Amino acid sequence: MKQIIEILDKFEINKEDVQRIRDAGKILKLEIDEHISGFYVWLAKHEAYKVFFANNPKRLDRVVDLQKTHWMQFFDAELNEAWFASRKHVGAVHAHIDLPNDIYFAGMSMSGESLVNRIRNSKDKFTDADKTANSIIKLVFLDSFIVIEEISRIQKEKIAASSKALLEMSTPVTPIWEGILLLPLLGIVDSTRTQDIMSKTLSQIAATRAKVFVMDISGVGSMDTAVANQLIRITKATQLMGCETIISGVSPSIARTIVELGINIGEIRTTATLR
């Protein structure tokens, strides 16, 4: 509940705003069907309508019903955990169907404008039409923020999962002969990836009882001090497990970088090519 109070404070939504929204709802709820109909007249002009609804009228009917429920809850303005959860659910659905963020923001902007215009066109029905319009716009902004935050969170999770899968594929420690492991490295090597290399290499050495580990870096374009030191630490860790490491594919640029950085490679075996 504390978190809800804090976010309401950030959007400057107070008890007076909530009451004005609820009072406005007594009038605007009667116009919800007309409001939603206008929204879909607007949406029909955009490609998103064709993508999601053109060939699926039943989906359109279902979404219209859901949208009506959404706006009814909006004007009830019960800004509790259930309200926030319902908005997050909207975000999750939009993330699942890959609804473009621009069409969502544009749609909420259009909806806010529609509600404000209805208030201004019926000023005599409201105690203070301008303050009521302002309160509604603040809640529209909060509503949109929660949805987009959930979309962003889910997208970050997808990216993290994809990155993890890519990392798994990009660190193939493979037995190529009895007692010999090979790891060909490609692309960018950073501190996160070197930690993964360390973990997988030591696990494979323990599982295969390998005596030689060849790490080929011919596909690595550049290397900084931190990464070079991490690779050296990997070789020392393998030595503790009774496995000798050979770093192959040391290009002229990487060799020059290692020398210029003053990195001590100690007794580590290196070769210019994998052959």
Protein backbone atom coordinates (compact mmCIF):
# COMPACT_ATOMS: atom_id res chain seq x y z
CA MET A 1 0.00 0.00 0.00
CA LYS A 2 2.92 2.32 0.74
CA GLN A 3 4.15 1.92 -2.83
CA ILE A 4 0.69 2.86 -4.17
CA ILE A 5 0.60 6.00 -2.01
CA GLU A 6 4.07 6.99 -3.26
CA ILE A 7 3.15 6.63 -6.93
CA LEU A 8 -0.11 8.53 -6.45
CA ASP A 9 1.93 11.32 -4.84
CA LYS A 10 4.31 11.37 -7.83
CA PHE A 11 1.40 11.85 -10.21
CA GLU A 12 -0.16 14.35 -7.74
CA ILE A 13 -3.40 12.41 -7.54
CA ASN A 14 -5.10 13.30 -4.26
CA LYS A 15 -8.45 12.59 -2.61
CA GLU A 16 -10.05 15.56 -4.35
CA ASP A 17 -8.96 14.20 -7.75
CA VAL A 18 -10.38 10.79 -6.93
CA GLN A 19 -13.69 12.26 -5.86
CA ARG A 20 -13.93 14.42 -8.97
CA ILE A 21 -13.25 11.36 -11.17
CA ARG A 22 -15.95 9.36 -9.37
CA ASP A 23 -18.44 12.23 -9.69
CA ALA A 24 -17.62 12.57 -13.37
CA GLY A 25 -18.14 8.84 -13.75
CA LYS A 26 -21.79 9.18 -12.79
CA ILE A 27 -22.24 11.17 -16.00
CA LEU A 28 -19.56 9.79 -18.31
CA LYS A 29 -20.35 6.13 -17.63
CA LEU A 30 -23.62 6.73 -19.45
CA GLU A 31 -21.58 7.72 -22.52
CA ILE A 32 -19.00 4.92 -22.36
CA ASP A 33 -20.41 3.02 -25.34
CA GLU A 34 -20.29 6.15 -27.47
CA HIS A 35 -16.77 6.92 -26.20
CA ILE A 36 -15.51 3.43 -27.10
CA SER A 37 -17.25 3.52 -30.48
CA GLY A 38 -15.40 6.75 -31.28
CA PHE A 39 -12.14 5.11 -30.27
CA TYR A 40 -12.58 2.31 -32.79
CA VAL A 41 -13.55 4.77 -35.52
CA TRP A 42 -10.16 6.37 -34.86
CA LEU A 43 -8.32 3.02 -34.63
CA ALA A 44 -9.82 1.78 -37.91
CA LYS A 45 -7.70 4.40 -39.70
CA HIS A 46 -4.50 2.71 -38.55
CA GLU A 47 -2.69 -0.47 -39.57
CA ALA A 48 -3.02 -1.94 -36.07
CA TYR A 49 -6.78 -2.33 -36.59
CA LYS A 50 -6.23 -4.48 -39.69
CA VAL A 51 -3.56 -6.56 -37.97
CA PHE A 52 -5.59 -7.37 -34.84
CA PHE A 53 -9.25 -7.12 -35.83
CA ALA A 54 -9.88 -7.11 -39.59
CA ASN A 55 -10.22 -10.90 -39.85
CA ASN A 56 -11.44 -11.58 -36.33
CA PRO A 57 -14.73 -9.81 -35.45
CA LYS A 58 -15.21 -12.01 -32.37
CA ARG A 59 -11.92 -10.73 -30.99
CA LEU A 60 -13.12 -7.16 -31.56
CA ASP A 61 -16.34 -7.85 -29.64
CA ARG A 62 -14.36 -9.38 -26.78
CA VAL A 63 -11.91 -6.47 -26.63
CA VAL A 64 -14.74 -3.92 -26.70
CA ASP A 65 -16.28 -5.62 -23.66
CA LEU A 66 -12.93 -5.62 -21.88
CA GLN A 67 -12.40 -1.97 -22.72
CA LYS A 68 -15.80 -1.10 -21.32
CA THR A 69 -14.88 -2.85 -18.07
CA HIS A 70 -11.58 -0.97 -18.08
CA TRP A 71 -13.25 2.45 -18.27
CA MET A 72 -15.89 1.53 -15.70
CA GLN A 73 -13.06 0.66 -13.28
CA PHE A 74 -11.32 3.88 -14.28
CA PHE A 75 -14.27 5.98 -13.10
CA ASP A 76 -14.76 3.88 -9.98
CA ALA A 77 -11.24 5.09 -9.13
CA GLU A 78 -10.65 2.41 -6.50
CA LEU A 79 -6.89 2.92 -6.69
CA ASN A 80 -5.90 -0.15 -4.72
CA GLU A 81 -3.76 -3.21 -5.44
CA ALA A 82 -6.50 -4.81 -7.53
CA TRP A 83 -6.71 -1.71 -9.74
CA PHE A 84 -2.96 -1.65 -10.29
CA ALA A 85 -2.95 -5.40 -10.97
CA SER A 86 -5.65 -5.00 -13.61
CA ARG A 87 -3.56 -2.34 -15.39
CA LYS A 88 -0.49 -4.58 -15.26
CA HIS A 89 -2.57 -7.35 -16.81
CA VAL A 90 -3.40 -5.02 -19.70
CA GLY A 91 0.34 -4.43 -20.14
CA ALA A 92 1.03 -8.17 -20.10
CA VAL A 93 -1.60 -8.79 -22.78
CA HIS A 94 -0.21 -6.00 -24.97
CA ALA A 95 3.32 -7.35 -24.55
CA HIS A 96 2.11 -10.85 -25.48
CA ILE A 97 0.48 -9.67 -28.72
CA ASP A 98 3.33 -7.24 -29.49
CA LEU A 99 1.07 -4.22 -29.71
CA PRO A 100 3.25 -1.26 -30.80
CA ASN A 101 3.82 1.25 -28.00
CA ASP A 102 3.11 4.18 -30.28
CA ILE A 103 -0.42 3.01 -31.10
CA TYR A 104 -1.10 2.36 -27.40
CA PHE A 105 0.08 5.85 -26.38
CA ALA A 106 -1.80 7.44 -29.27
CA GLY A 107 -4.93 5.52 -28.29
CA MET A 108 -4.73 6.65 -24.65
CA SER A 109 -4.11 10.22 -25.78
CA MET A 110 -7.16 10.06 -28.04
CA SER A 111 -9.24 8.55 -25.21
CA GLY A 112 -8.17 11.27 -22.78
CA GLU A 113 -9.03 13.95 -25.31
CA SER A 114 -12.44 12.35 -25.92
CA LEU A 115 -13.29 12.36 -22.21
CA VAL A 116 -12.10 15.93 -21.71
CA ASN A 117 -14.16 17.12 -24.68
CA ARG A 118 -17.26 15.44 -23.24
CA ILE A 119 -16.72 17.29 -19.97
CA ARG A 120 -16.22 20.64 -21.70
CA ASN A 121 -19.28 20.10 -23.89
CA SER A 122 -21.39 19.55 -20.75
CA LYS A 123 -19.83 22.10 -18.39
CA ASP A 124 -23.13 22.81 -16.70
CA LYS A 125 -23.25 19.21 -15.39
CA PHE A 126 -19.95 19.54 -13.50
CA THR A 127 -19.12 21.62 -10.43
CA ASP A 128 -15.71 22.55 -11.86
CA ALA A 129 -15.22 21.19 -15.39
CA ASP A 130 -11.59 22.32 -15.72
CA LYS A 131 -10.47 20.68 -12.47
CA THR A 132 -12.42 17.54 -13.35
CA ALA A 133 -10.74 17.36 -16.76
CA ASN A 134 -7.34 17.82 -15.12
CA SER A 135 -8.02 15.02 -12.61
CA ILE A 136 -9.06 12.63 -15.38
CA ILE A 137 -5.96 13.40 -17.46
CA LYS A 138 -3.71 12.70 -14.45
CA LEU A 139 -5.30 9.29 -14.00
CA VAL A 140 -5.04 8.59 -17.75
CA PHE A 141 -1.29 9.30 -17.48
CA LEU A 142 -0.95 7.01 -14.44
CA ASP A 143 -2.98 4.29 -16.18
CA SER A 144 -0.72 4.51 -19.27
CA PHE A 145 2.44 4.50 -17.16
CA ILE A 146 1.55 1.28 -15.35
CA VAL A 147 0.73 -0.49 -18.62
CA ILE A 148 3.96 0.63 -20.30
CA GLU A 149 6.03 -0.26 -17.23
CA GLU A 150 4.67 -3.81 -17.37
CA ILE A 151 5.32 -4.04 -21.12
CA SER A 152 8.88 -2.81 -20.51
CA ARG A 153 9.43 -5.31 -17.68
CA ILE A 154 8.27 -8.24 -19.82
CA GLN A 155 10.38 -7.08 -22.77
CA LYS A 156 13.44 -6.88 -20.52
CA GLU A 157 12.76 -10.43 -19.31
CA LYS A 158 12.53 -11.63 -22.92
CA ILE A 159 15.80 -9.89 -23.81
CA ALA A 160 17.51 -11.34 -20.73
CA ALA A 161 16.27 -14.82 -21.60
CA SER A 162 17.43 -14.43 -25.20
CA SER A 163 20.82 -13.15 -24.04
CA LYS A 164 21.19 -16.10 -21.70
CA ALA A 165 20.30 -18.53 -24.49
CA LEU A 166 22.75 -16.80 -26.83
CA LEU A 167 25.42 -16.94 -24.15
CA GLU A 168 24.82 -20.66 -23.75
CA MET A 169 25.25 -21.15 -27.49
CA SER A 170 28.29 -18.86 -27.74
CA THR A 171 30.35 -20.76 -25.14
CA PRO A 172 30.57 -24.32 -26.53
CA VAL A 173 33.27 -26.09 -24.48
CA THR A 174 33.58 -29.26 -26.57
CA PRO A 175 35.65 -32.46 -26.21
CA ILE A 176 37.53 -32.88 -29.52
CA TRP A 177 39.75 -35.79 -28.48
CA GLU A 178 40.20 -37.93 -25.44
CA GLY A 179 41.45 -35.63 -22.70
CA ILE A 180 41.30 -32.50 -24.89
CA LEU A 181 38.70 -29.72 -24.74
CA LEU A 182 38.24 -26.90 -27.26
CA LEU A 183 36.49 -23.56 -26.83
CA PRO A 184 36.34 -21.33 -29.95
CA LEU A 185 35.46 -17.78 -28.90
CA LEU A 186 33.71 -15.43 -31.33
CA GLY A 187 32.57 -11.83 -31.12
CA ILE A 188 32.75 -9.61 -28.06
CA VAL A 189 34.12 -11.00 -24.83
CA ASP A 190 33.13 -9.08 -21.70
CA SER A 191 33.33 -9.74 -17.97
CA THR A 192 29.91 -11.47 -17.88
CA ARG A 193 30.93 -13.84 -20.66
CA THR A 194 34.31 -14.63 -19.10
CA GLN A 195 32.52 -15.66 -15.89
CA ASP A 196 30.40 -18.03 -17.97
CA ILE A 197 33.53 -19.36 -19.69
CA MET A 198 35.15 -20.01 -16.32
CA SER A 199 32.13 -21.88 -14.99
CA LYS A 200 31.58 -24.07 -18.06
CA THR A 201 35.25 -24.82 -18.58
CA LEU A 202 35.85 -25.99 -15.02
CA SER A 203 32.65 -28.07 -15.11
CA GLN A 204 33.70 -29.77 -18.34
CA ILE A 205 37.20 -30.45 -17.02
CA ALA A 206 35.68 -32.09 -13.95
CA ALA A 207 33.24 -34.11 -16.06
CA THR A 208 35.70 -35.27 -18.75
CA ARG A 209 38.92 -35.27 -16.68
CA ALA A 210 40.57 -33.41 -19.55
CA LYS A 211 44.30 -32.74 -19.41
CA VAL A 212 44.42 -30.08 -22.13
CA PHE A 213 42.09 -27.12 -22.72
CA VAL A 214 42.48 -25.12 -25.93
CA MET A 215 40.87 -21.68 -25.96
CA ASP A 216 40.87 -20.26 -29.48
CA ILE A 217 40.46 -16.47 -29.57
CA SER A 218 41.04 -15.94 -33.29
CA GLY A 219 37.41 -14.78 -33.60
CA VAL A 220 37.79 -12.11 -30.92
CA GLY A 221 38.34 -8.68 -32.42
CA SER A 222 39.62 -6.79 -29.37
CA MET A 223 40.43 -7.25 -25.71
CA ASP A 224 40.83 -4.89 -22.77
CA THR A 225 42.80 -5.27 -19.55
CA ALA A 226 39.92 -6.65 -17.49
CA VAL A 227 39.04 -9.34 -20.05
CA ALA A 228 42.68 -10.34 -20.62
CA ASN A 229 43.20 -10.71 -16.87
CA GLN A 230 40.01 -12.77 -16.61
CA LEU A 231 41.23 -15.15 -19.33
CA ILE A 232 44.54 -15.53 -17.51
CA ARG A 233 42.67 -16.32 -14.31
CA ILE A 234 40.75 -19.00 -16.21
CA THR A 235 44.00 -20.63 -17.29
CA LYS A 236 45.32 -20.59 -13.72
CA ALA A 237 42.07 -22.13 -12.44
CA THR A 238 42.34 -24.95 -14.99
CA GLN A 239 45.93 -25.60 -13.88
CA LEU A 240 44.70 -26.10 -10.32
CA MET A 241 42.49 -28.88 -11.72
CA GLY A 242 45.46 -30.54 -13.44
CA CYS A 243 44.58 -29.27 -16.91
CA GLU A 244 46.96 -27.29 -19.11
CA THR A 245 45.46 -24.39 -21.06
CA ILE A 246 46.67 -23.24 -24.46
CA ILE A 247 45.40 -19.93 -25.83
CA SER A 248 45.47 -20.10 -29.61
CA GLY A 249 44.61 -17.61 -32.32
CA VAL A 250 46.44 -14.69 -30.75
CA SER A 251 46.25 -12.02 -33.44
CA PRO A 252 48.91 -9.32 -33.90
CA SER A 253 46.53 -6.64 -32.57
CA ILE A 254 45.69 -8.62 -29.41
CA ALA A 255 49.37 -9.49 -28.85
CA ARG A 256 50.25 -5.79 -29.16
CA THR A 257 47.42 -4.84 -26.80
CA ILE A 258 48.55 -7.34 -24.17
CA VAL A 259 52.13 -6.02 -24.34
CA GLU A 260 51.06 -2.35 -24.28
CA LEU A 261 48.80 -2.97 -21.28
CA GLY A 262 51.68 -4.64 -19.47
CA ILE A 263 49.70 -7.80 -18.74
CA ASN A 264 51.84 -10.59 -17.33
CA ILE A 265 50.88 -13.85 -19.02
CA GLY A 266 53.36 -15.81 -16.93
CA GLU A 267 53.78 -19.43 -18.05
CA ILE A 268 50.62 -19.53 -20.17
CA ARG A 269 51.13 -21.27 -23.52
CA THR A 270 49.99 -19.27 -26.53
CA THR A 271 50.02 -19.95 -30.28
CA ALA A 272 49.31 -17.77 -33.29
CA THR A 273 46.91 -20.27 -34.85
CA LEU A 274 44.80 -23.23 -33.78
CA ARG A 275 46.82 -25.48 -36.08
